Amino acid sequence: MKRYLSAFLAAAVVSTAAFAQSAPDTVVKNAVEGTVTAMKADPQARGGDMTKITHVVETHFLPATDFQRTTRIAVGKPWATATPEQQKQLYEQFTLLLTRTYAASLSQLRDQDVKFKFMPVSVPGGATDIVVQSHVLSNGGDDAIDYRLTKGPSGWKIYDINMMGAWLIQVYQTQFADQINKGGIDGLIKFLTAHNARGA
């Protein structure tokens, strides 16, 4: 899971505008390489400063994602019954959780010679959802990573990832369903808030 998260964490952007009209595989390629480059270019981030690494994630990763969609799908049907305020809190807390998780995973790459290979994709006319396959090559290892992107007004955005058959959203769907069954939407919000507080 750590290798899976560290690979996904590399999915960030250098410039949001640059990706607006890009093909999905180009978005992923530029995102991955851009984030790793940004981290290694910052002496403090390269040295393991989690505050700096988190800043790299916030600056370069978040603009490339559609975490609103990620949150909605992960929560499932209960999302439709949540109030706007509850939806806002779920989105904010889940985004914070993912940002910190990715920052911790990205820190593992700072001293590694990592290379990425991206498979070109053919996007059918009118398609708004596509999977980009890639490989993460490091220390003799070869990890296959699939990125799922959705196309909106601002272009293609990453909202899910798959490594070894485990889609990010599916992993959280199980956890979220358990918390909702126990305490409803408010229970899930409390769970996420408490989790983030422990990691502060």
C-alpha atoms as a PDB file:
ATOM      1  CA  MET A   1       0.000   0.000   0.000  1.00  0.00           C
ATOM      2  CA  LYS A   2       2.859   2.394   0.771  1.00  0.00           C
ATOM      3  CA  ARG A   3       4.332   1.898  -2.680  1.00  0.00           C
ATOM      4  CA  TYR A   4       0.887   2.307  -4.181  1.00  0.00           C
ATOM      5  CA  LEU A   5       0.311   5.585  -2.377  1.00  0.00           C
ATOM      6  CA  SER A   6       3.783   6.900  -3.088  1.00  0.00           C
ATOM      7  CA  ALA A   7       3.265   6.272  -6.779  1.00  0.00           C
ATOM      8  CA  PHE A   8      -0.114   7.955  -6.816  1.00  0.00           C
ATOM      9  CA  LEU A   9       1.274  10.849  -4.865  1.00  0.00           C
ATOM     10  CA  ALA A  10       3.488  11.617  -7.787  1.00  0.00           C
ATOM     11  CA  ALA A  11       0.344  12.536  -9.741  1.00  0.00           C
ATOM     12  CA  ALA A  12       0.568  16.309  -9.458  1.00  0.00           C
ATOM     13  CA  VAL A  13       0.701  19.302 -11.766  1.00  0.00           C
ATOM     14  CA  VAL A  14       3.172  22.044 -12.540  1.00  0.00           C
ATOM     15  CA  SER A  15       0.618  24.397 -14.016  1.00  0.00           C
ATOM     16  CA  THR A  16      -3.124  23.858 -14.007  1.00  0.00           C
ATOM     17  CA  ALA A  17      -3.597  25.885 -17.176  1.00  0.00           C
ATOM     18  CA  ALA A  18      -1.058  23.780 -19.037  1.00  0.00           C
ATOM     19  CA  PHE A  19      -3.199  20.684 -18.590  1.00  0.00           C
ATOM     20  CA  ALA A  20      -6.568  22.139 -19.551  1.00  0.00           C
ATOM     21  CA  GLN A  21      -6.312  20.981 -23.169  1.00  0.00           C
ATOM     22  CA  SER A  22      -3.853  18.096 -22.670  1.00  0.00           C
ATOM     23  CA  ALA A  23      -4.543  14.440 -23.392  1.00  0.00           C
ATOM     24  CA  PRO A  24      -5.072  12.365 -20.225  1.00  0.00           C
ATOM     25  CA  ASP A  25      -1.784  10.471 -20.547  1.00  0.00           C
ATOM     26  CA  THR A  26       0.043  13.772 -20.942  1.00  0.00           C
ATOM     27  CA  VAL A  27      -1.672  15.094 -17.823  1.00  0.00           C
ATOM     28  CA  VAL A  28      -0.461  12.101 -15.826  1.00  0.00           C
ATOM     29  CA  LYS A  29       3.079  12.245 -17.242  1.00  0.00           C
ATOM     30  CA  ASN A  30       3.516  15.954 -16.562  1.00  0.00           C
ATOM     31  CA  ALA A  31       1.890  15.609 -13.166  1.00  0.00           C
ATOM     32  CA  VAL A  32       4.099  12.766 -11.993  1.00  0.00           C
ATOM     33  CA  GLU A  33       7.360  14.218 -13.197  1.00  0.00           C
ATOM     34  CA  GLY A  34       6.438  17.729 -12.108  1.00  0.00           C
ATOM     35  CA  THR A  35       5.754  16.800  -8.510  1.00  0.00           C
ATOM     36  CA  VAL A  36       8.865  14.715  -8.024  1.00  0.00           C
ATOM     37  CA  THR A  37      10.970  17.471  -9.580  1.00  0.00           C
ATOM     38  CA  ALA A  38       9.407  20.095  -7.310  1.00  0.00           C
ATOM     39  CA  MET A  39      10.129  18.053  -4.206  1.00  0.00           C
ATOM     40  CA  LYS A  40      13.721  17.312  -5.134  1.00  0.00           C
ATOM     41  CA  ALA A  41      14.321  20.957  -6.050  1.00  0.00           C
ATOM     42  CA  ASP A  42      13.401  22.088  -2.525  1.00  0.00           C
ATOM     43  CA  PRO A  43      16.308  21.441  -0.114  1.00  0.00           C
ATOM     44  CA  GLN A  44      14.024  21.235   2.913  1.00  0.00           C
ATOM     45  CA  ALA A  45      11.562  18.901   1.206  1.00  0.00           C
ATOM     46  CA  ARG A  46      14.410  16.762  -0.062  1.00  0.00           C
ATOM     47  CA  GLY A  47      15.704  16.624   3.496  1.00  0.00           C
ATOM     48  CA  GLY A  48      12.426  15.211   4.786  1.00  0.00           C
ATOM     49  CA  ASP A  49      10.661  18.339   6.080  1.00  0.00           C
ATOM     50  CA  MET A  50       7.029  17.171   6.081  1.00  0.00           C
ATOM     51  CA  THR A  51       5.682  20.721   6.150  1.00  0.00           C
ATOM     52  CA  LYS A  52       7.534  21.488   2.939  1.00  0.00           C
ATOM     53  CA  ILE A  53       6.572  18.203   1.320  1.00  0.00           C
ATOM     54  CA  THR A  54       2.939  18.807   2.235  1.00  0.00           C
ATOM     55  CA  HIS A  55       3.202  22.229   0.622  1.00  0.00           C
ATOM     56  CA  VAL A  56       4.450  20.561  -2.568  1.00  0.00           C
ATOM     57  CA  VAL A  57       1.376  18.329  -2.521  1.00  0.00           C
ATOM     58  CA  GLU A  58      -0.990  21.242  -1.914  1.00  0.00           C
ATOM     59  CA  THR A  59       0.618  23.354  -4.618  1.00  0.00           C
ATOM     60  CA  HIS A  60       1.236  20.767  -7.310  1.00  0.00           C
ATOM     61  CA  PHE A  61      -1.023  17.802  -6.586  1.00  0.00           C
ATOM     62  CA  LEU A  62      -4.405  19.184  -5.599  1.00  0.00           C
ATOM     63  CA  PRO A  63      -4.956  21.267  -8.768  1.00  0.00           C
ATOM     64  CA  ALA A  64      -4.649  18.054 -10.811  1.00  0.00           C
ATOM     65  CA  THR A  65      -7.379  16.233  -8.918  1.00  0.00           C
ATOM     66  CA  ASP A  66     -11.134  16.164  -8.649  1.00  0.00           C
ATOM     67  CA  PHE A  67     -11.391  15.211  -4.983  1.00  0.00           C
ATOM     68  CA  GLN A  68     -14.980  16.414  -4.889  1.00  0.00           C
ATOM     69  CA  ARG A  69     -15.791  13.518  -7.207  1.00  0.00           C
ATOM     70  CA  THR A  70     -13.530  11.175  -5.254  1.00  0.00           C
ATOM     71  CA  THR A  71     -15.317  12.030  -2.017  1.00  0.00           C
ATOM     72  CA  ARG A  72     -18.789  11.718  -3.510  1.00  0.00           C
ATOM     73  CA  ILE A  73     -18.126   8.278  -4.968  1.00  0.00           C
ATOM     74  CA  ALA A  74     -16.324   7.024  -1.859  1.00  0.00           C
ATOM     75  CA  VAL A  75     -19.237   8.059   0.374  1.00  0.00           C
ATOM     76  CA  GLY A  76     -21.742   6.515  -2.032  1.00  0.00           C
ATOM     77  CA  LYS A  77     -25.521   6.855  -1.791  1.00  0.00           C
ATOM     78  CA  PRO A  78     -25.457   8.585   1.635  1.00  0.00           C
ATOM     79  CA  TRP A  79     -23.780  11.559  -0.083  1.00  0.00           C
ATOM     80  CA  ALA A  80     -27.138  12.503  -1.621  1.00  0.00           C
ATOM     81  CA  THR A  81     -28.774  12.666   1.811  1.00  0.00           C
ATOM     82  CA  ALA A  82     -26.016  14.768   3.367  1.00  0.00           C
ATOM     83  CA  THR A  83     -26.617  18.481   3.841  1.00  0.00           C
ATOM     84  CA  PRO A  84     -24.442  20.952   1.897  1.00  0.00           C
ATOM     85  CA  GLU A  85     -22.538  21.666   5.112  1.00  0.00           C
ATOM     86  CA  GLN A  86     -21.940  17.970   5.736  1.00  0.00           C
ATOM     87  CA  GLN A  87     -20.753  17.521   2.161  1.00  0.00           C
ATOM     88  CA  LYS A  88     -18.374  20.444   2.594  1.00  0.00           C
ATOM     89  CA  GLN A  89     -16.937  18.963   5.784  1.00  0.00           C
ATOM     90  CA  LEU A  90     -16.555  15.524   4.223  1.00  0.00           C
ATOM     91  CA  TYR A  91     -14.748  16.984   1.224  1.00  0.00           C
ATOM     92  CA  GLU A  92     -12.427  19.120   3.358  1.00  0.00           C
ATOM     93  CA  GLN A  93     -11.563  16.361   5.831  1.00  0.00           C
ATOM     94  CA  PHE A  94     -11.053  13.714   3.159  1.00  0.00           C
ATOM     95  CA  THR A  95      -8.875  16.061   1.127  1.00  0.00           C
ATOM     96  CA  LEU A  96      -6.776  16.802   4.211  1.00  0.00           C
ATOM     97  CA  LEU A  97      -6.406  13.094   4.934  1.00  0.00           C
ATOM     98  CA  LEU A  98      -5.304  12.338   1.378  1.00  0.00           C
ATOM     99  CA  THR A  99      -2.940  15.309   1.234  1.00  0.00           C
ATOM    100  CA  ARG A 100      -1.124  14.228   4.391  1.00  0.00           C
ATOM    101  CA  THR A 101      -1.053  10.601   3.321  1.00  0.00           C
ATOM    102  CA  TYR A 102       0.437  11.514  -0.035  1.00  0.00           C
ATOM    103  CA  ALA A 103       2.968  13.843   1.568  1.00  0.00           C
ATOM    104  CA  ALA A 104       4.159  11.024   3.824  1.00  0.00           C
ATOM    105  CA  SER A 105       4.417   8.681   0.843  1.00  0.00           C
ATOM    106  CA  LEU A 106       6.166  11.245  -1.340  1.00  0.00           C
ATOM    107  CA  SER A 107       8.839  11.659   1.324  1.00  0.00           C
ATOM    108  CA  GLN A 108       9.900   8.065   0.608  1.00  0.00           C
ATOM    109  CA  LEU A 109      10.846   9.034  -2.945  1.00  0.00           C
ATOM    110  CA  ARG A 110      13.067  11.973  -2.128  1.00  0.00           C
ATOM    111  CA  ASP A 111      16.351  10.019  -2.224  1.00  0.00           C
ATOM    112  CA  GLN A 112      15.351   7.443  -4.826  1.00  0.00           C
ATOM    113  CA  ASP A 113      16.190   7.368  -8.500  1.00  0.00           C
ATOM    114  CA  VAL A 114      12.630   6.900  -9.741  1.00  0.00           C
ATOM    115  CA  LYS A 115      11.593   6.654 -13.364  1.00  0.00           C
ATOM    116  CA  PHE A 116       8.107   6.530 -14.834  1.00  0.00           C
ATOM    117  CA  LYS A 117       6.728   4.958 -17.986  1.00  0.00           C
ATOM    118  CA  PHE A 118       3.356   6.068 -19.320  1.00  0.00           C
ATOM    119  CA  MET A 119       1.231   4.168 -21.800  1.00  0.00           C
ATOM    120  CA  PRO A 120      -0.378   6.268 -24.571  1.00  0.00           C
ATOM    121  CA  VAL A 121      -4.163   6.141 -24.657  1.00  0.00           C
ATOM    122  CA  SER A 122      -6.733   6.557 -27.389  1.00  0.00           C
ATOM    123  CA  VAL A 123      -9.653   8.656 -26.193  1.00  0.00           C
ATOM    124  CA  PRO A 124     -12.956   7.846 -27.942  1.00  0.00           C
ATOM    125  CA  GLY A 125     -14.917  10.832 -29.164  1.00  0.00           C
ATOM    126  CA  GLY A 126     -17.004  12.322 -26.384  1.00  0.00           C
ATOM    127  CA  ALA A 127     -15.347  10.227 -23.665  1.00  0.00           C
ATOM    128  CA  THR A 128     -15.300  11.817 -20.212  1.00  0.00           C
ATOM    129  CA  ASP A 129     -13.724   8.979 -18.213  1.00  0.00           C
ATOM    130  CA  ILE A 130     -10.472   7.245 -19.098  1.00  0.00           C
ATOM    131  CA  VAL A 131      -7.803   5.060 -17.501  1.00  0.00           C
ATOM    132  CA  VAL A 132      -4.103   5.779 -18.046  1.00  0.00           C
ATOM    133  CA  GLN A 133      -1.683   2.936 -17.380  1.00  0.00           C
ATOM    134  CA  SER A 134       1.840   3.578 -16.142  1.00  0.00           C
ATOM    135  CA  HIS A 135       4.828   1.903 -14.527  1.00  0.00           C
ATOM    136  CA  VAL A 136       6.936   3.135 -11.615  1.00  0.00           C
ATOM    137  CA  LEU A 137      10.533   1.948 -11.872  1.00  0.00           C
ATOM    138  CA  SER A 138      12.702   2.194  -8.762  1.00  0.00           C
ATOM    139  CA  ASN A 139      15.429   0.135  -7.112  1.00  0.00           C
ATOM    140  CA  GLY A 140      14.944  -2.675  -9.576  1.00  0.00           C
ATOM    141  CA  GLY A 141      11.188  -2.769  -9.012  1.00  0.00           C
ATOM    142  CA  ASP A 142       8.436  -2.304 -11.567  1.00  0.00           C
ATOM    143  CA  ASP A 143       5.020  -1.336 -10.196  1.00  0.00           C
ATOM    144  CA  ALA A 144       2.038  -1.036 -12.536  1.00  0.00           C
ATOM    145  CA  ILE A 145      -0.193   1.941 -11.751  1.00  0.00           C
ATOM    146  CA  ASP A 146      -3.537   2.815 -13.339  1.00  0.00           C
ATOM    147  CA  TYR A 147      -4.879   6.362 -13.077  1.00  0.00           C
ATOM    148  CA  ARG A 148      -8.550   7.105 -13.681  1.00  0.00           C
ATOM    149  CA  LEU A 149      -9.337  10.587 -14.957  1.00  0.00           C
ATOM    150  CA  THR A 150     -12.549  12.461 -15.588  1.00  0.00           C
ATOM    151  CA  LYS A 151     -12.982  15.290 -18.064  1.00  0.00           C
ATOM    152  CA  GLY A 152     -14.694  18.466 -16.935  1.00  0.00           C
ATOM    153  CA  PRO A 153     -14.772  22.149 -17.906  1.00  0.00           C
ATOM    154  CA  SER A 154     -11.141  22.600 -16.814  1.00  0.00           C
ATOM    155  CA  GLY A 155      -9.827  19.507 -18.565  1.00  0.00           C
ATOM    156  CA  TRP A 156      -8.816  16.049 -17.377  1.00  0.00           C
ATOM    157  CA  LYS A 157      -8.499  15.476 -13.630  1.00  0.00           C
ATOM    158  CA  ILE A 158      -7.214  12.477 -11.688  1.00  0.00           C
ATOM    159  CA  TYR A 159      -9.753  11.091  -9.236  1.00  0.00           C
ATOM    160  CA  ASP A 160      -8.811   7.445  -8.686  1.00  0.00           C
ATOM    161  CA  ILE A 161      -5.850   5.093  -8.963  1.00  0.00           C
ATOM    162  CA  ASN A 162      -5.325   1.364  -9.061  1.00  0.00           C
ATOM    163  CA  MET A 163      -2.355  -0.746  -8.072  1.00  0.00           C
ATOM    164  CA  MET A 164      -2.529  -4.526  -7.856  1.00  0.00           C
ATOM    165  CA  GLY A 165      -6.287  -4.462  -8.204  1.00  0.00           C
ATOM    166  CA  ALA A 166      -6.952  -1.997  -5.389  1.00  0.00           C
ATOM    167  CA  TRP A 167      -8.670   1.185  -6.525  1.00  0.00           C
ATOM    168  CA  LEU A 168      -8.276   4.045  -4.066  1.00  0.00           C
ATOM    169  CA  ILE A 169     -12.005   4.760  -3.964  1.00  0.00           C
ATOM    170  CA  GLN A 170     -12.860   1.116  -3.313  1.00  0.00           C
ATOM    171  CA  VAL A 171     -10.461   1.021  -0.374  1.00  0.00           C
ATOM    172  CA  TYR A 172     -12.155   4.005   1.258  1.00  0.00           C
ATOM    173  CA  GLN A 173     -15.692   2.940   0.341  1.00  0.00           C
ATOM    174  CA  THR A 174     -15.445   0.026   2.752  1.00  0.00           C
ATOM    175  CA  GLN A 175     -14.138   2.191   5.599  1.00  0.00           C
ATOM    176  CA  PHE A 176     -16.679   4.931   4.971  1.00  0.00           C
ATOM    177  CA  ALA A 177     -19.609   2.506   4.796  1.00  0.00           C
ATOM    178  CA  ASP A 178     -18.605   1.033   8.148  1.00  0.00           C
ATOM    179  CA  GLN A 179     -18.462   4.454   9.809  1.00  0.00           C
ATOM    180  CA  ILE A 180     -21.764   5.556   8.254  1.00  0.00           C
ATOM    181  CA  ASN A 181     -23.463   2.368   9.443  1.00  0.00           C
ATOM    182  CA  LYS A 182     -22.231   3.091  12.955  1.00  0.00           C
ATOM    183  CA  GLY A 183     -22.950   6.810  13.213  1.00  0.00           C
ATOM    184  CA  GLY A 184     -24.378   8.186   9.989  1.00  0.00           C
ATOM    185  CA  ILE A 185     -22.792  11.016   8.017  1.00  0.00           C
ATOM    186  CA  ASP A 186     -21.906  12.868  11.213  1.00  0.00           C
ATOM    187  CA  GLY A 187     -20.160   9.737  12.437  1.00  0.00           C
ATOM    188  CA  LEU A 188     -18.016   9.641   9.316  1.00  0.00           C
ATOM    189  CA  ILE A 189     -17.174  13.325   9.673  1.00  0.00           C
ATOM    190  CA  LYS A 190     -16.132  12.773  13.296  1.00  0.00           C
ATOM    191  CA  PHE A 191     -14.039   9.776  12.277  1.00  0.00           C
ATOM    192  CA  LEU A 192     -12.179  11.735   9.599  1.00  0.00           C
ATOM    193  CA  THR A 193     -11.761  14.782  11.824  1.00  0.00           C
ATOM    194  CA  ALA A 194     -10.342  12.684  14.658  1.00  0.00           C
ATOM    195  CA  HIS A 195      -8.000  10.888  12.280  1.00  0.00           C
ATOM    196  CA  ASN A 196      -6.702  14.182  10.920  1.00  0.00           C
ATOM    197  CA  ALA A 197      -6.317  15.644  14.410  1.00  0.00           C
ATOM    198  CA  ARG A 198      -4.072  12.745  15.397  1.00  0.00           C
ATOM    199  CA  GLY A 199      -1.911  13.397  12.377  1.00  0.00           C
ATOM    200  CA  ALA A 200      -1.633  17.156  12.931  1.00  0.00           C
END
